[in-house]
Amino acid sequence: ALIRAAEAMHQARVAGRFAGIRATARLDDWAALMAQEDQLVSDLRGAKYEAVLPEYPTVRYVPGRAVWRDGQIEVGDLRLAAARAIIATGASAQIPPIPGLADVAFLDSTAALALPALPRSLLVIGGGVIGCELGQMFARFGVAVTIACRSRLLPGLDPEIGAGLARALRAEGVRILDKITYDWVRNAASGIALDYTQAGQSGVIGAERLLVATGRVANTATMGLAEAGIALDARGAVQTDAFLATSRPGTYAAGDVTG
């Protein structure tokens, strides 16, 4: 909803490219927009998940942290056994080993979408899909945004796509620092500061808030999957075949947990 709201504001601002049209848009009440977002998420959670479960008497919902142990799934004091199991625990933000990062307050993608107030400026570390999408969204809301990345935008896609996106983001006022080394993150008078190296030259960029968007890692670290014979890749994602089957017979995985 927030991204769509930012898109609506942007479309109004660029409507003047059509002859005879003049339109403006501004954000008057961030708190009201966030309240609407929270209500929408709550309604969807209830309508699509919580309210649906009672309609299926054969489905049992057990809240808690699941661990594979001795061939069964343990949730607290409860032991569950089944002939078939599906792992769908999703993924979480990956935090890179940047010096000083652990000593400053930073946002991940989830926290960035729950800010109680808009910052004046935002530094985004990471030029992937999430960093670019959120950076553009905040820029459209009037935040001064800088995206810093070690290589280029969208490094997993063709260079032409990343270059085209960079041009589009710069046209919307987003500053892009590419091909840099993250030397040190520290607290500063403005909020936070990133010391970096680009083409052999040292530089510093400051912002009120820092968003770390350097990818996501599968939520498998505490589940005992490897001990249960479920193969993981080097990043901890569950390995599956073309039918989503894991290396453990009768166990499957789907979604972001597969990388």
Protein backbone atom coordinates (compact mmCIF):
# COMPACT_ATOMS: atom_id res chain seq x y z
CA ALA A 1 0.00 0.00 0.00
CA LEU A 2 2.84 2.43 0.78
CA ILE A 3 4.52 1.77 -2.54
CA ARG A 4 1.23 2.28 -4.38
CA ALA A 5 0.65 5.52 -2.47
CA ALA A 6 4.09 6.76 -3.48
CA GLU A 7 3.39 5.75 -7.07
CA ALA A 8 0.13 7.73 -7.03
CA MET A 9 2.00 10.82 -5.86
CA HIS A 10 4.62 10.37 -8.56
CA GLN A 11 2.04 9.96 -11.31
CA ALA A 12 0.37 13.21 -10.27
CA ARG A 13 3.70 15.03 -10.34
CA VAL A 14 4.59 13.87 -13.85
CA ALA A 15 1.10 14.39 -15.29
CA GLY A 16 2.28 17.72 -16.68
CA ARG A 17 4.13 15.91 -19.47
CA PHE A 18 0.73 15.68 -21.16
CA ALA A 19 -0.47 18.90 -22.77
CA GLY A 20 -3.29 20.63 -20.93
CA ILE A 21 -2.83 18.72 -17.64
CA ARG A 22 -1.56 20.16 -14.39
CA ALA A 23 -1.60 18.17 -11.17
CA THR A 24 0.13 18.23 -7.82
CA ALA A 25 0.41 15.84 -4.90
CA ARG A 26 1.89 16.10 -1.43
CA LEU A 27 2.07 14.00 1.69
CA ASP A 28 0.14 15.79 4.44
CA ASP A 29 -0.12 13.12 7.13
CA TRP A 30 2.36 10.23 7.31
CA ALA A 31 0.74 8.90 10.48
CA ALA A 32 -2.64 8.62 8.75
CA LEU A 33 -1.06 6.80 5.81
CA MET A 34 0.70 4.37 8.16
CA ALA A 35 -2.54 3.76 10.08
CA GLN A 36 -4.28 2.89 6.83
CA GLU A 37 -1.42 0.55 5.92
CA ASP A 38 -1.57 -1.19 9.31
CA GLN A 39 -5.33 -1.63 9.05
CA LEU A 40 -5.03 -3.08 5.55
CA VAL A 41 -2.39 -5.58 6.68
CA SER A 42 -4.50 -6.55 9.70
CA ASP A 43 -7.61 -7.02 7.58
CA LEU A 44 -5.75 -9.16 5.04
CA ARG A 45 -4.14 -11.26 7.77
CA GLY A 46 -7.54 -11.96 9.24
CA ALA A 47 -9.35 -12.54 5.96
CA LYS A 48 -6.66 -14.65 4.28
CA TYR A 49 -5.23 -16.57 7.23
CA GLU A 50 -6.73 -16.37 10.71
CA ALA A 51 -10.38 -16.37 9.64
CA VAL A 52 -9.81 -19.16 7.13
CA LEU A 53 -8.37 -21.79 9.49
CA PRO A 54 -11.62 -22.53 11.39
CA GLU A 55 -13.20 -23.50 8.07
CA TYR A 56 -10.82 -26.47 7.83
CA PRO A 57 -11.41 -28.78 10.81
CA THR A 58 -8.54 -31.05 9.78
CA VAL A 59 -6.02 -28.19 10.01
CA ARG A 60 -4.41 -27.66 13.41
CA TYR A 61 -2.55 -24.42 14.08
CA VAL A 62 0.30 -24.67 16.58
CA PRO A 63 2.09 -21.36 17.29
CA GLY A 64 5.73 -21.59 18.30
CA ARG A 65 9.27 -22.29 17.11
CA ALA A 66 9.66 -25.62 15.32
CA VAL A 67 12.77 -27.80 15.61
CA TRP A 68 13.45 -31.13 13.91
CA ARG A 69 14.55 -33.60 16.57
CA ASP A 70 14.75 -37.39 16.52
CA GLY A 71 12.65 -37.67 13.39
CA GLN A 72 9.83 -35.54 14.76
CA ILE A 73 8.96 -31.85 14.80
CA GLU A 74 9.17 -30.31 18.25
CA VAL A 75 7.21 -27.16 19.12
CA GLY A 76 7.79 -26.32 22.77
CA ASP A 77 6.75 -29.42 24.75
CA LEU A 78 4.74 -30.81 21.85
CA ARG A 79 6.09 -33.53 19.54
CA LEU A 80 4.51 -33.86 16.09
CA ALA A 81 4.97 -36.71 13.63
CA ALA A 82 3.75 -36.80 10.03
CA ALA A 83 4.38 -38.79 6.88
CA ARG A 84 4.74 -35.54 4.92
CA ALA A 85 6.06 -32.12 5.92
CA ILE A 86 6.44 -28.78 4.12
CA ILE A 87 9.01 -26.20 5.19
CA ALA A 88 7.79 -22.67 4.41
CA THR A 89 9.51 -20.47 7.00
CA GLY A 90 10.46 -17.69 4.58
CA ALA A 91 13.53 -15.48 4.84
CA SER A 92 14.85 -12.56 6.87
CA ALA A 93 17.06 -9.59 6.15
CA GLN A 94 20.74 -10.43 5.77
CA ILE A 95 23.04 -8.17 7.77
CA PRO A 96 26.44 -7.67 6.09
CA PRO A 97 29.73 -7.61 8.05
CA ILE A 98 30.37 -3.88 7.66
CA PRO A 99 32.67 -2.43 10.34
CA GLY A 100 30.71 -0.38 12.86
CA LEU A 101 27.29 -1.53 11.70
CA ALA A 102 26.56 -3.37 14.94
CA ASP A 103 27.12 -0.15 16.89
CA VAL A 104 24.55 2.03 15.08
CA ALA A 105 20.78 1.95 14.82
CA PHE A 106 19.73 0.78 11.38
CA LEU A 107 16.57 -0.34 9.63
CA ASP A 108 15.86 -3.51 7.71
CA SER A 109 13.12 -3.65 5.10
CA THR A 110 10.47 -4.60 7.66
CA ALA A 111 11.33 -1.78 10.08
CA ALA A 112 11.53 0.73 7.23
CA LEU A 113 7.90 0.05 6.38
CA ALA A 114 6.83 0.76 9.97
CA LEU A 115 8.55 4.09 10.64
CA PRO A 116 6.47 6.34 12.89
CA ALA A 117 7.85 9.43 11.12
CA LEU A 118 9.57 10.11 7.81
CA PRO A 119 13.27 10.93 8.06
CA ARG A 120 14.66 13.96 6.26
CA SER A 121 17.29 11.78 4.62
CA LEU A 122 17.89 8.07 4.13
CA LEU A 123 20.99 6.10 3.17
CA VAL A 124 20.25 2.72 1.61
CA ILE A 125 23.05 0.16 1.66
CA GLY A 126 22.36 -2.35 -1.10
CA GLY A 127 21.40 -1.93 -4.74
CA GLY A 128 19.19 -4.99 -5.15
CA VAL A 129 15.47 -5.10 -5.77
CA ILE A 130 14.46 -4.29 -2.19
CA GLY A 131 16.90 -1.41 -1.79
CA CYS A 132 15.90 0.17 -5.09
CA GLU A 133 12.18 -0.27 -4.50
CA LEU A 134 12.21 1.20 -1.00
CA GLY A 135 14.67 3.91 -1.96
CA GLN A 136 12.39 5.05 -4.77
CA MET A 137 9.35 4.91 -2.50
CA PHE A 138 10.90 7.13 0.16
CA ALA A 139 12.22 9.55 -2.46
CA ARG A 140 8.70 9.94 -3.83
CA PHE A 141 7.54 10.78 -0.30
CA GLY A 142 10.05 13.63 -0.22
CA VAL A 143 12.98 11.99 1.58
CA ALA A 144 16.51 12.74 0.34
CA VAL A 145 17.69 9.24 -0.62
CA THR A 146 21.14 7.87 -1.41
CA ILE A 147 21.61 4.27 -2.56
CA ALA A 148 25.11 2.89 -1.99
CA CYS A 149 26.19 -0.42 -3.54
CA ARG A 150 29.40 -2.37 -4.01
CA SER A 151 28.89 -3.08 -7.70
CA ARG A 152 25.86 -1.68 -9.54
CA LEU A 153 22.11 -1.61 -9.26
CA LEU A 154 20.40 -4.98 -9.74
CA PRO A 155 23.66 -6.94 -10.07
CA GLY A 156 21.77 -10.18 -10.69
CA LEU A 157 20.21 -8.86 -13.90
CA ASP A 158 21.59 -7.67 -17.24
CA PRO A 159 23.75 -4.52 -16.95
CA GLU A 160 21.42 -2.64 -19.30
CA ILE A 161 18.53 -3.11 -16.87
CA GLY A 162 20.53 -1.78 -13.93
CA ALA A 163 21.77 1.17 -15.98
CA GLY A 164 18.24 2.03 -17.08
CA LEU A 165 16.98 1.90 -13.51
CA ALA A 166 19.86 4.10 -12.36
CA ARG A 167 18.89 6.75 -14.91
CA ALA A 168 15.26 6.59 -13.83
CA LEU A 169 16.09 6.86 -10.13
CA ARG A 170 18.47 9.76 -10.68
CA ALA A 171 15.74 11.52 -12.65
CA GLU A 172 13.58 11.25 -9.51
CA GLY A 173 16.30 12.77 -7.35
CA VAL A 174 17.88 9.62 -5.91
CA ARG A 175 21.64 9.78 -5.48
CA ILE A 176 23.49 6.59 -6.42
CA LEU A 177 26.96 5.66 -5.18
CA ASP A 178 28.06 2.55 -7.04
CA LYS A 179 31.24 0.51 -7.16
CA ILE A 180 32.21 1.47 -3.62
CA THR A 181 33.73 -0.26 -0.62
CA TYR A 182 31.92 0.08 2.69
CA ASP A 183 34.75 1.08 5.04
CA TRP A 184 32.96 2.05 8.24
CA VAL A 185 29.51 2.97 9.52
CA ARG A 186 29.34 5.33 12.50
CA ASN A 187 27.08 7.65 14.41
CA ALA A 188 27.24 11.28 13.33
CA ALA A 189 25.61 14.61 14.08
CA SER A 190 23.22 14.10 11.16
CA GLY A 191 22.33 10.60 12.35
CA ILE A 192 24.69 8.11 10.74
CA ALA A 193 27.64 8.33 8.37
CA LEU A 194 29.23 5.87 5.95
CA ASP A 195 32.92 6.15 5.16
CA TYR A 196 33.55 4.60 1.76
CA THR A 197 36.13 4.23 -0.99
CA GLN A 198 35.26 4.74 -4.66
CA ALA A 199 37.86 4.43 -7.43
CA GLY A 200 40.65 4.84 -4.89
CA GLN A 201 39.18 8.00 -3.38
CA SER A 202 37.79 8.23 0.15
CA GLY A 203 34.42 9.78 0.83
CA VAL A 204 31.73 10.19 3.47
CA ILE A 205 27.95 10.22 3.09
CA GLY A 206 25.63 11.04 5.96
CA ALA A 207 21.90 10.63 6.52
CA GLU A 208 19.35 10.76 9.29
CA ARG A 209 18.48 7.05 8.98
CA LEU A 210 20.19 3.98 7.54
CA LEU A 211 18.41 1.17 5.70
CA VAL A 212 20.36 -2.04 5.18
CA ALA A 213 18.98 -3.94 2.19
CA THR A 214 21.71 -6.35 1.17
CA GLY A 215 19.55 -9.37 0.50
CA ARG A 216 17.71 -11.98 2.50
CA VAL A 217 18.70 -15.25 4.12
CA ALA A 218 16.49 -18.31 4.63
CA ASN A 219 14.99 -18.82 8.10
CA THR A 220 16.58 -22.19 8.83
CA ALA A 221 19.34 -21.50 11.36
CA THR A 222 17.62 -22.86 14.48
CA MET A 223 15.47 -25.64 13.02
CA GLY A 224 17.90 -28.55 13.11
CA LEU A 225 17.36 -29.25 9.41
CA ALA A 226 20.88 -30.41 8.59
CA GLU A 227 20.81 -32.82 11.53
CA ALA A 228 17.51 -34.17 10.16
CA GLY A 229 19.15 -34.96 6.82
CA ILE A 230 17.76 -31.96 4.95
CA ALA A 231 20.40 -30.52 2.63
CA LEU A 232 21.08 -26.78 2.76
CA ASP A 233 23.18 -24.64 0.45
CA ALA A 234 26.04 -22.41 1.60
CA ARG A 235 23.61 -19.62 2.53
CA GLY A 236 21.34 -21.90 4.56
CA ALA A 237 18.56 -22.20 1.99
CA VAL A 238 16.80 -25.56 1.67
CA GLN A 239 17.80 -27.41 -1.47
CA THR A 240 14.95 -28.91 -3.49
CA ASP A 241 14.42 -30.68 -6.78
CA ALA A 242 11.99 -29.74 -9.56
CA PHE A 243 9.12 -31.08 -7.45
CA LEU A 244 10.13 -29.08 -4.32
CA ALA A 245 11.25 -32.28 -2.60
CA THR A 246 14.15 -32.02 -0.16
CA SER A 247 16.83 -34.60 0.50
CA ARG A 248 14.71 -36.03 3.34
CA PRO A 249 12.01 -38.40 2.03
CA GLY A 250 8.52 -37.01 2.50
CA THR A 251 9.73 -33.48 3.26
CA TYR A 252 9.24 -30.55 0.89
CA ALA A 253 10.07 -26.85 0.93
CA ALA A 254 8.52 -23.85 -0.80
CA GLY A 255 8.89 -20.09 -0.94
CA ASP A 256 11.78 -17.88 0.15
CA VAL A 257 13.22 -20.58 2.40
CA THR A 258 14.54 -22.23 -0.78
CA GLY A 259 16.62 -19.17 -1.68
